[in-house]
Every structure is written in C-alpha cells, then in structure tokens.
Amino acid sequence: MDILKEAATFEKAKMSHMSTSDRVVASREAKRLILAINEVYKRTKDADLMEIMKRLTVKKKKIEKRLLGRPAELV
C-alpha cells in the first residue's frame, strides 16, 4: 500500500527546527494520512493499521501542541 509507505516516511521525518508554516503543513499531512488509513481500516479491521494511526496521532498532537504554544497565565 502506498499510503503506508507515506505514513512510514512521515513517522521517520525529523520534526525539530521547523518553521511555523512547516508545522502547519506537517499537521495537515498527518491528518490526511490518518484519515486515509482510517478508510482502509474500516474495511479490513487490521490491528496494525490502528497502531499506525495511533502513532501518527501522537506525532500530530506534538506538532499541534507546539503550534498552539502555552496558554497565558491568568494573574
């Protein structure tokens, strides 16, 4: 499957020293991959696909956490 190769490449990619626009692109790419794998998972119910989606989701959340920044403290 081509989508699984893309997911593997995305997982291995370094996410350090990225600009904000790079983070936005990476977050959208992660979302696209997760949704594409989910469509296949709905048909096959393969546990390996679920594990791949979980790993991609963790990476996507880390990227988005960095994008949103820390909330301002209320004083």
PDB file of N, CA and C in Angstrom:
ATOM      1  N   MET A   1       0.836  -1.191   0.000  1.00  0.00           N
ATOM      2  CA  MET A   1       0.000   0.000   0.000  1.00  0.00           C
ATOM      3  C   MET A   1       0.875   1.247   0.000  1.00  0.00           C
ATOM      4  N   ASP A   2       0.552   2.158  -0.853  1.00  0.00           N
ATOM      5  CA  ASP A   2       1.323   3.389  -0.974  1.00  0.00           C
ATOM      6  C   ASP A   2       1.137   4.295   0.242  1.00  0.00           C
ATOM      7  N   ILE A   3      -0.053   4.310   0.802  1.00  0.00           N
ATOM      8  CA  ILE A   3      -0.335   5.187   1.936  1.00  0.00           C
ATOM      9  C   ILE A   3       0.480   4.773   3.151  1.00  0.00           C
ATOM     10  N   LEU A   4       0.738   3.475   3.306  1.00  0.00           N
ATOM     11  CA  LEU A   4       1.538   3.007   4.433  1.00  0.00           C
ATOM     12  C   LEU A   4       2.998   3.419   4.283  1.00  0.00           C
ATOM     13  N   LYS A   5       3.489   3.461   3.051  1.00  0.00           N
ATOM     14  CA  LYS A   5       4.855   3.934   2.815  1.00  0.00           C
ATOM     15  C   LYS A   5       4.960   5.415   3.159  1.00  0.00           C
ATOM     16  N   GLU A   6       3.950   6.174   2.779  1.00  0.00           N
ATOM     17  CA  GLU A   6       3.928   7.602   3.112  1.00  0.00           C
ATOM     18  C   GLU A   6       3.893   7.801   4.623  1.00  0.00           C
ATOM     19  N   ALA A   7       3.097   6.974   5.312  1.00  0.00           N
ATOM     20  CA  ALA A   7       2.999   7.078   6.766  1.00  0.00           C
ATOM     21  C   ALA A   7       4.340   6.750   7.418  1.00  0.00           C
ATOM     22  N   ALA A   8       5.018   5.738   6.919  1.00  0.00           N
ATOM     23  CA  ALA A   8       6.330   5.365   7.465  1.00  0.00           C
ATOM     24  C   ALA A   8       7.339   6.487   7.249  1.00  0.00           C
ATOM     25  N   THR A   9       7.305   7.093   6.082  1.00  0.00           N
ATOM     26  CA  THR A   9       8.207   8.207   5.789  1.00  0.00           C
ATOM     27  C   THR A   9       7.917   9.388   6.702  1.00  0.00           C
ATOM     28  N   PHE A  10       6.646   9.667   6.918  1.00  0.00           N
ATOM     29  CA  PHE A  10       6.256  10.772   7.787  1.00  0.00           C
ATOM     30  C   PHE A  10       6.714  10.518   9.226  1.00  0.00           C
ATOM     31  N   GLU A  11       6.562   9.277   9.686  1.00  0.00           N
ATOM     32  CA  GLU A  11       6.966   8.930  11.055  1.00  0.00           C
ATOM     33  C   GLU A  11       8.462   9.108  11.262  1.00  0.00           C
ATOM     34  N   LYS A  12       9.248   8.784  10.253  1.00  0.00           N
ATOM     35  CA  LYS A  12      10.701   8.850  10.369  1.00  0.00           C
ATOM     36  C   LYS A  12      11.244  10.266  10.197  1.00  0.00           C
ATOM     37  N   ALA A  13      10.448  11.167   9.650  1.00  0.00           N
ATOM     38  CA  ALA A  13      10.904  12.526   9.373  1.00  0.00           C
ATOM     39  C   ALA A  13      11.207  13.265  10.681  1.00  0.00           C
ATOM     40  N   LYS A  14      12.265  14.047  10.650  1.00  0.00           N
ATOM     41  CA  LYS A  14      12.645  14.854  11.809  1.00  0.00           C
ATOM     42  C   LYS A  14      11.704  16.046  11.903  1.00  0.00           C
ATOM     43  N   MET A  15      11.269  16.338  13.107  1.00  0.00           N
ATOM     44  CA  MET A  15      10.339  17.434  13.303  1.00  0.00           C
ATOM     45  C   MET A  15      10.965  18.576  14.103  1.00  0.00           C
ATOM     46  N   SER A  16      12.277  18.550  14.265  1.00  0.00           N
ATOM     47  CA  SER A  16      12.923  19.624  15.011  1.00  0.00           C
ATOM     48  C   SER A  16      13.329  20.743  14.062  1.00  0.00           C
ATOM     49  N   HIS A  17      13.434  21.930  14.599  1.00  0.00           N
ATOM     50  CA  HIS A  17      13.839  23.124  13.848  1.00  0.00           C
ATOM     51  C   HIS A  17      12.932  23.396  12.657  1.00  0.00           C
ATOM     52  N   MET A  18      11.626  23.267  12.874  1.00  0.00           N
ATOM     53  CA  MET A  18      10.654  23.537  11.818  1.00  0.00           C
ATOM     54  C   MET A  18      10.093  24.943  11.999  1.00  0.00           C
ATOM     55  N   SER A  19       9.810  25.590  10.887  1.00  0.00           N
ATOM     56  CA  SER A  19       9.141  26.889  10.956  1.00  0.00           C
ATOM     57  C   SER A  19       7.654  26.651  11.232  1.00  0.00           C
ATOM     58  N   THR A  20       6.951  27.694  11.540  1.00  0.00           N
ATOM     59  CA  THR A  20       5.520  27.577  11.826  1.00  0.00           C
ATOM     60  C   THR A  20       4.769  27.047  10.610  1.00  0.00           C
ATOM     61  N   SER A  21       5.102  27.542   9.443  1.00  0.00           N
ATOM     62  CA  SER A  21       4.408  27.067   8.241  1.00  0.00           C
ATOM     63  C   SER A  21       4.719  25.600   7.971  1.00  0.00           C
ATOM     64  N   ASP A  22       5.944  25.165   8.286  1.00  0.00           N
ATOM     65  CA  ASP A  22       6.281  23.747   8.138  1.00  0.00           C
ATOM     66  C   ASP A  22       5.464  22.889   9.091  1.00  0.00           C
ATOM     67  N   ARG A  23       5.244  23.407  10.298  1.00  0.00           N
ATOM     68  CA  ARG A  23       4.439  22.664  11.274  1.00  0.00           C
ATOM     69  C   ARG A  23       2.991  22.543  10.810  1.00  0.00           C
ATOM     70  N   VAL A  24       2.454  23.602  10.229  1.00  0.00           N
ATOM     71  CA  VAL A  24       1.078  23.570   9.716  1.00  0.00           C
ATOM     72  C   VAL A  24       0.971  22.528   8.606  1.00  0.00           C
ATOM     73  N   VAL A  25       1.933  22.529   7.695  1.00  0.00           N
ATOM     74  CA  VAL A  25       1.938  21.556   6.594  1.00  0.00           C
ATOM     75  C   VAL A  25       2.049  20.134   7.145  1.00  0.00           C
ATOM     76  N   ALA A  26       2.921  19.932   8.135  1.00  0.00           N
ATOM     77  CA  ALA A  26       3.104  18.603   8.723  1.00  0.00           C
ATOM     78  C   ALA A  26       1.827  18.141   9.425  1.00  0.00           C
ATOM     79  N   SER A  27       1.156  19.046  10.118  1.00  0.00           N
ATOM     80  CA  SER A  27      -0.082  18.699  10.806  1.00  0.00           C
ATOM     81  C   SER A  27      -1.165  18.286   9.808  1.00  0.00           C
ATOM     82  N   ARG A  28      -1.263  19.025   8.713  1.00  0.00           N
ATOM     83  CA  ARG A  28      -2.262  18.686   7.684  1.00  0.00           C
ATOM     84  C   ARG A  28      -1.931  17.356   7.013  1.00  0.00           C
ATOM     85  N   GLU A  29      -0.647  17.119   6.780  1.00  0.00           N
ATOM     86  CA  GLU A  29      -0.225  15.851   6.179  1.00  0.00           C
ATOM     87  C   GLU A  29      -0.560  14.687   7.099  1.00  0.00           C
ATOM     88  N   ALA A  30      -0.324  14.858   8.402  1.00  0.00           N
ATOM     89  CA  ALA A  30      -0.647  13.815   9.373  1.00  0.00           C
ATOM     90  C   ALA A  30      -2.151  13.531   9.353  1.00  0.00           C
ATOM     91  N   LYS A  31      -2.939  14.576   9.313  1.00  0.00           N
ATOM     92  CA  LYS A  31      -4.395  14.399   9.283  1.00  0.00           C
ATOM     93  C   LYS A  31      -4.830  13.648   8.029  1.00  0.00           C
ATOM     94  N   ARG A  32      -4.242  14.020   6.897  1.00  0.00           N
ATOM     95  CA  ARG A  32      -4.572  13.354   5.631  1.00  0.00           C
ATOM     96  C   ARG A  32      -4.227  11.854   5.699  1.00  0.00           C
ATOM     97  N   LEU A  33      -3.060  11.546   6.244  1.00  0.00           N
ATOM     98  CA  LEU A  33      -2.636  10.152   6.346  1.00  0.00           C
ATOM     99  C   LEU A  33      -3.538   9.365   7.291  1.00  0.00           C
ATOM    100  N   ILE A  34      -3.861   9.961   8.426  1.00  0.00           N
ATOM    101  CA  ILE A  34      -4.717   9.281   9.403  1.00  0.00           C
ATOM    102  C   ILE A  34      -6.081   8.980   8.802  1.00  0.00           C
ATOM    103  N   LEU A  35      -6.665   9.942   8.112  1.00  0.00           N
ATOM    104  CA  LEU A  35      -7.992   9.732   7.520  1.00  0.00           C
ATOM    105  C   LEU A  35      -7.949   8.694   6.400  1.00  0.00           C
ATOM    106  N   ALA A  36      -6.881   8.685   5.612  1.00  0.00           N
ATOM    107  CA  ALA A  36      -6.756   7.709   4.531  1.00  0.00           C
ATOM    108  C   ALA A  36      -6.596   6.296   5.094  1.00  0.00           C
ATOM    109  N   ILE A  37      -5.775   6.170   6.119  1.00  0.00           N
ATOM    110  CA  ILE A  37      -5.589   4.844   6.743  1.00  0.00           C
ATOM    111  C   ILE A  37      -6.880   4.403   7.412  1.00  0.00           C
ATOM    112  N   ASN A  38      -7.620   5.351   7.982  1.00  0.00           N
ATOM    113  CA  ASN A  38      -8.885   5.016   8.632  1.00  0.00           C
ATOM    114  C   ASN A  38      -9.896   4.427   7.644  1.00  0.00           C
ATOM    115  N   GLU A  39      -9.911   4.950   6.428  1.00  0.00           N
ATOM    116  CA  GLU A  39     -10.823   4.400   5.418  1.00  0.00           C
ATOM    117  C   GLU A  39     -10.501   2.932   5.124  1.00  0.00           C
ATOM    118  N   VAL A  40      -9.219   2.618   5.045  1.00  0.00           N
ATOM    119  CA  VAL A  40      -8.811   1.229   4.811  1.00  0.00           C
ATOM    120  C   VAL A  40      -9.141   0.387   6.039  1.00  0.00           C
ATOM    121  N   TYR A  41      -8.897   0.954   7.226  1.00  0.00           N
ATOM    122  CA  TYR A  41      -9.162   0.232   8.470  1.00  0.00           C
ATOM    123  C   TYR A  41     -10.641  -0.133   8.613  1.00  0.00           C
ATOM    124  N   LYS A  42     -11.513   0.746   8.179  1.00  0.00           N
ATOM    125  CA  LYS A  42     -12.949   0.472   8.271  1.00  0.00           C
ATOM    126  C   LYS A  42     -13.324  -0.798   7.518  1.00  0.00           C
ATOM    127  N   ARG A  43     -12.632  -1.031   6.401  1.00  0.00           N
ATOM    128  CA  ARG A  43     -12.934  -2.222   5.596  1.00  0.00           C
ATOM    129  C   ARG A  43     -12.246  -3.487   6.117  1.00  0.00           C
ATOM    130  N   THR A  44     -11.009  -3.335   6.611  1.00  0.00           N
ATOM    131  CA  THR A  44     -10.214  -4.525   6.941  1.00  0.00           C
ATOM    132  C   THR A  44     -10.179  -4.860   8.421  1.00  0.00           C
ATOM    133  N   LYS A  45     -10.345  -3.879   9.289  1.00  0.00           N
ATOM    134  CA  LYS A  45     -10.246  -4.056  10.746  1.00  0.00           C
ATOM    135  C   LYS A  45      -8.898  -4.645  11.153  1.00  0.00           C
ATOM    136  N   ASP A  46      -7.833  -4.246  10.438  1.00  0.00           N
ATOM    137  CA  ASP A  46      -6.484  -4.724  10.710  1.00  0.00           C
ATOM    138  C   ASP A  46      -5.906  -3.960  11.903  1.00  0.00           C
ATOM    139  N   ALA A  47      -5.467  -4.685  12.929  1.00  0.00           N
ATOM    140  CA  ALA A  47      -4.940  -4.056  14.138  1.00  0.00           C
ATOM    141  C   ALA A  47      -3.661  -3.265  13.868  1.00  0.00           C
ATOM    142  N   ASP A  48      -2.875  -3.690  12.894  1.00  0.00           N
ATOM    143  CA  ASP A  48      -1.648  -2.967  12.554  1.00  0.00           C
ATOM    144  C   ASP A  48      -1.959  -1.559  12.054  1.00  0.00           C
ATOM    145  N   LEU A  49      -3.036  -1.418  11.298  1.00  0.00           N
ATOM    146  CA  LEU A  49      -3.437  -0.098  10.814  1.00  0.00           C
ATOM    147  C   LEU A  49      -3.820   0.815  11.972  1.00  0.00           C
ATOM    148  N   MET A  50      -4.483   0.234  12.967  1.00  0.00           N
ATOM    149  CA  MET A  50      -4.864   1.017  14.143  1.00  0.00           C
ATOM    150  C   MET A  50      -3.624   1.512  14.878  1.00  0.00           C
ATOM    151  N   GLU A  51      -2.608   0.671  14.984  1.00  0.00           N
ATOM    152  CA  GLU A  51      -1.371   1.065  15.657  1.00  0.00           C
ATOM    153  C   GLU A  51      -0.671   2.193  14.897  1.00  0.00           C
ATOM    154  N   ILE A  52      -0.673   2.114  13.582  1.00  0.00           N
ATOM    155  CA  ILE A  52      -0.065   3.168  12.762  1.00  0.00           C
ATOM    156  C   ILE A  52      -0.816   4.471  12.978  1.00  0.00           C
ATOM    157  N   MET A  53      -2.144   4.415  12.983  1.00  0.00           N
ATOM    158  CA  MET A  53      -2.945   5.622  13.201  1.00  0.00           C
ATOM    159  C   MET A  53      -2.662   6.221  14.579  1.00  0.00           C
ATOM    160  N   LYS A  54      -2.496   5.384  15.589  1.00  0.00           N
ATOM    161  CA  LYS A  54      -2.205   5.879  16.932  1.00  0.00           C
ATOM    162  C   LYS A  54      -0.865   6.600  16.972  1.00  0.00           C
ATOM    163  N   ARG A  55       0.150   6.017  16.326  1.00  0.00           N
ATOM    164  CA  ARG A  55       1.475   6.649  16.309  1.00  0.00           C
ATOM    165  C   ARG A  55       1.444   7.980  15.569  1.00  0.00           C
ATOM    166  N   LEU A  56       0.722   8.021  14.460  1.00  0.00           N
ATOM    167  CA  LEU A  56       0.604   9.270  13.705  1.00  0.00           C
ATOM    168  C   LEU A  56      -0.138  10.333  14.504  1.00  0.00           C
ATOM    169  N   THR A  57      -1.144   9.910  15.246  1.00  0.00           N
ATOM    170  CA  THR A  57      -1.921  10.843  16.058  1.00  0.00           C
ATOM    171  C   THR A  57      -1.055  11.448  17.155  1.00  0.00           C
ATOM    172  N   VAL A  58      -0.206  10.634  17.767  1.00  0.00           N
ATOM    173  CA  VAL A  58       0.695  11.146  18.805  1.00  0.00           C
ATOM    174  C   VAL A  58       1.630  12.196  18.214  1.00  0.00           C
ATOM    175  N   LYS A  59       2.184  11.902  17.056  1.00  0.00           N
ATOM    176  CA  LYS A  59       3.090  12.846  16.413  1.00  0.00           C
ATOM    177  C   LYS A  59       2.355  14.132  16.022  1.00  0.00           C
ATOM    178  N   LYS A  60       1.134  13.986  15.526  1.00  0.00           N
ATOM    179  CA  LYS A  60       0.319  15.151  15.138  1.00  0.00           C
ATOM    180  C   LYS A  60       0.011  16.012  16.358  1.00  0.00           C
ATOM    181  N   LYS A  61      -0.310  15.397  17.479  1.00  0.00           N
ATOM    182  CA  LYS A  61      -0.614  16.155  18.691  1.00  0.00           C
ATOM    183  C   LYS A  61       0.600  16.929  19.177  1.00  0.00           C
ATOM    184  N   LYS A  62       1.788  16.330  19.059  1.00  0.00           N
ATOM    185  CA  LYS A  62       3.008  17.030  19.466  1.00  0.00           C
ATOM    186  C   LYS A  62       3.234  18.259  18.589  1.00  0.00           C
ATOM    187  N   ILE A  63       2.998  18.100  17.300  1.00  0.00           N
ATOM    188  CA  ILE A  63       3.160  19.228  16.370  1.00  0.00           C
ATOM    189  C   ILE A  63       2.170  20.329  16.705  1.00  0.00           C
ATOM    190  N   GLU A  64       0.913  19.947  16.935  1.00  0.00           N
ATOM    191  CA  GLU A  64      -0.119  20.942  17.218  1.00  0.00           C
ATOM    192  C   GLU A  64       0.095  21.618  18.567  1.00  0.00           C
ATOM    193  N   LYS A  65       0.611  20.875  19.534  1.00  0.00           N
ATOM    194  CA  LYS A  65       0.906  21.471  20.835  1.00  0.00           C
ATOM    195  C   LYS A  65       1.946  22.577  20.661  1.00  0.00           C
ATOM    196  N   ARG A  66       2.924  22.313  19.829  1.00  0.00           N
ATOM    197  CA  ARG A  66       3.970  23.298  19.565  1.00  0.00           C
ATOM    198  C   ARG A  66       3.402  24.503  18.797  1.00  0.00           C
ATOM    199  N   LEU A  67       2.445  24.254  17.912  1.00  0.00           N
ATOM    200  CA  LEU A  67       1.826  25.342  17.146  1.00  0.00           C
ATOM    201  C   LEU A  67       1.015  26.276  18.048  1.00  0.00           C
ATOM    202  N   LEU A  68       0.242  25.691  18.944  1.00  0.00           N
ATOM    203  CA  LEU A  68      -0.654  26.486  19.780  1.00  0.00           C
ATOM    204  C   LEU A  68       0.095  27.251  20.872  1.00  0.00           C
ATOM    205  N   GLY A  69       1.227  26.730  21.291  1.00  0.00           N
ATOM    206  CA  GLY A  69       2.004  27.397  22.337  1.00  0.00           C
ATOM    207  C   GLY A  69       1.369  27.197  23.691  1.00  0.00           C
ATOM    208  N   ARG A  70       1.943  27.851  24.662  1.00  0.00           N
ATOM    209  CA  ARG A  70       1.447  27.731  26.028  1.00  0.00           C
ATOM    210  C   ARG A  70       0.373  28.796  26.276  1.00  0.00           C
ATOM    211  N   PRO A  71      -0.653  28.442  27.022  1.00  0.00           N
ATOM    212  CA  PRO A  71      -1.664  29.456  27.341  1.00  0.00           C
ATOM    213  C   PRO A  71      -1.087  30.484  28.308  1.00  0.00           C
ATOM    214  N   ALA A  72      -1.531  31.700  28.165  1.00  0.00           N
ATOM    215  CA  ALA A  72      -1.059  32.782  29.055  1.00  0.00           C
ATOM    216  C   ALA A  72      -1.587  32.540  30.453  1.00  0.00           C
ATOM    217  N   GLU A  73      -0.743  32.815  31.429  1.00  0.00           N
ATOM    218  CA  GLU A  73      -1.177  32.636  32.819  1.00  0.00           C
ATOM    219  C   GLU A  73      -2.125  33.759  33.219  1.00  0.00           C
ATOM    220  N   LEU A  74      -3.128  33.399  33.952  1.00  0.00           N
ATOM    221  CA  LEU A  74      -4.076  34.391  34.457  1.00  0.00           C
ATOM    222  C   LEU A  74      -3.538  34.922  35.779  1.00  0.00           C
ATOM    223  N   VAL A  75      -3.369  36.214  35.848  1.00  0.00           N
ATOM    224  CA  VAL A  75      -2.810  36.817  37.075  1.00  0.00           C
ATOM    225  C   VAL A  75      -3.871  37.568  37.815  1.00  0.00           C
TER     226      VAL A  75
END
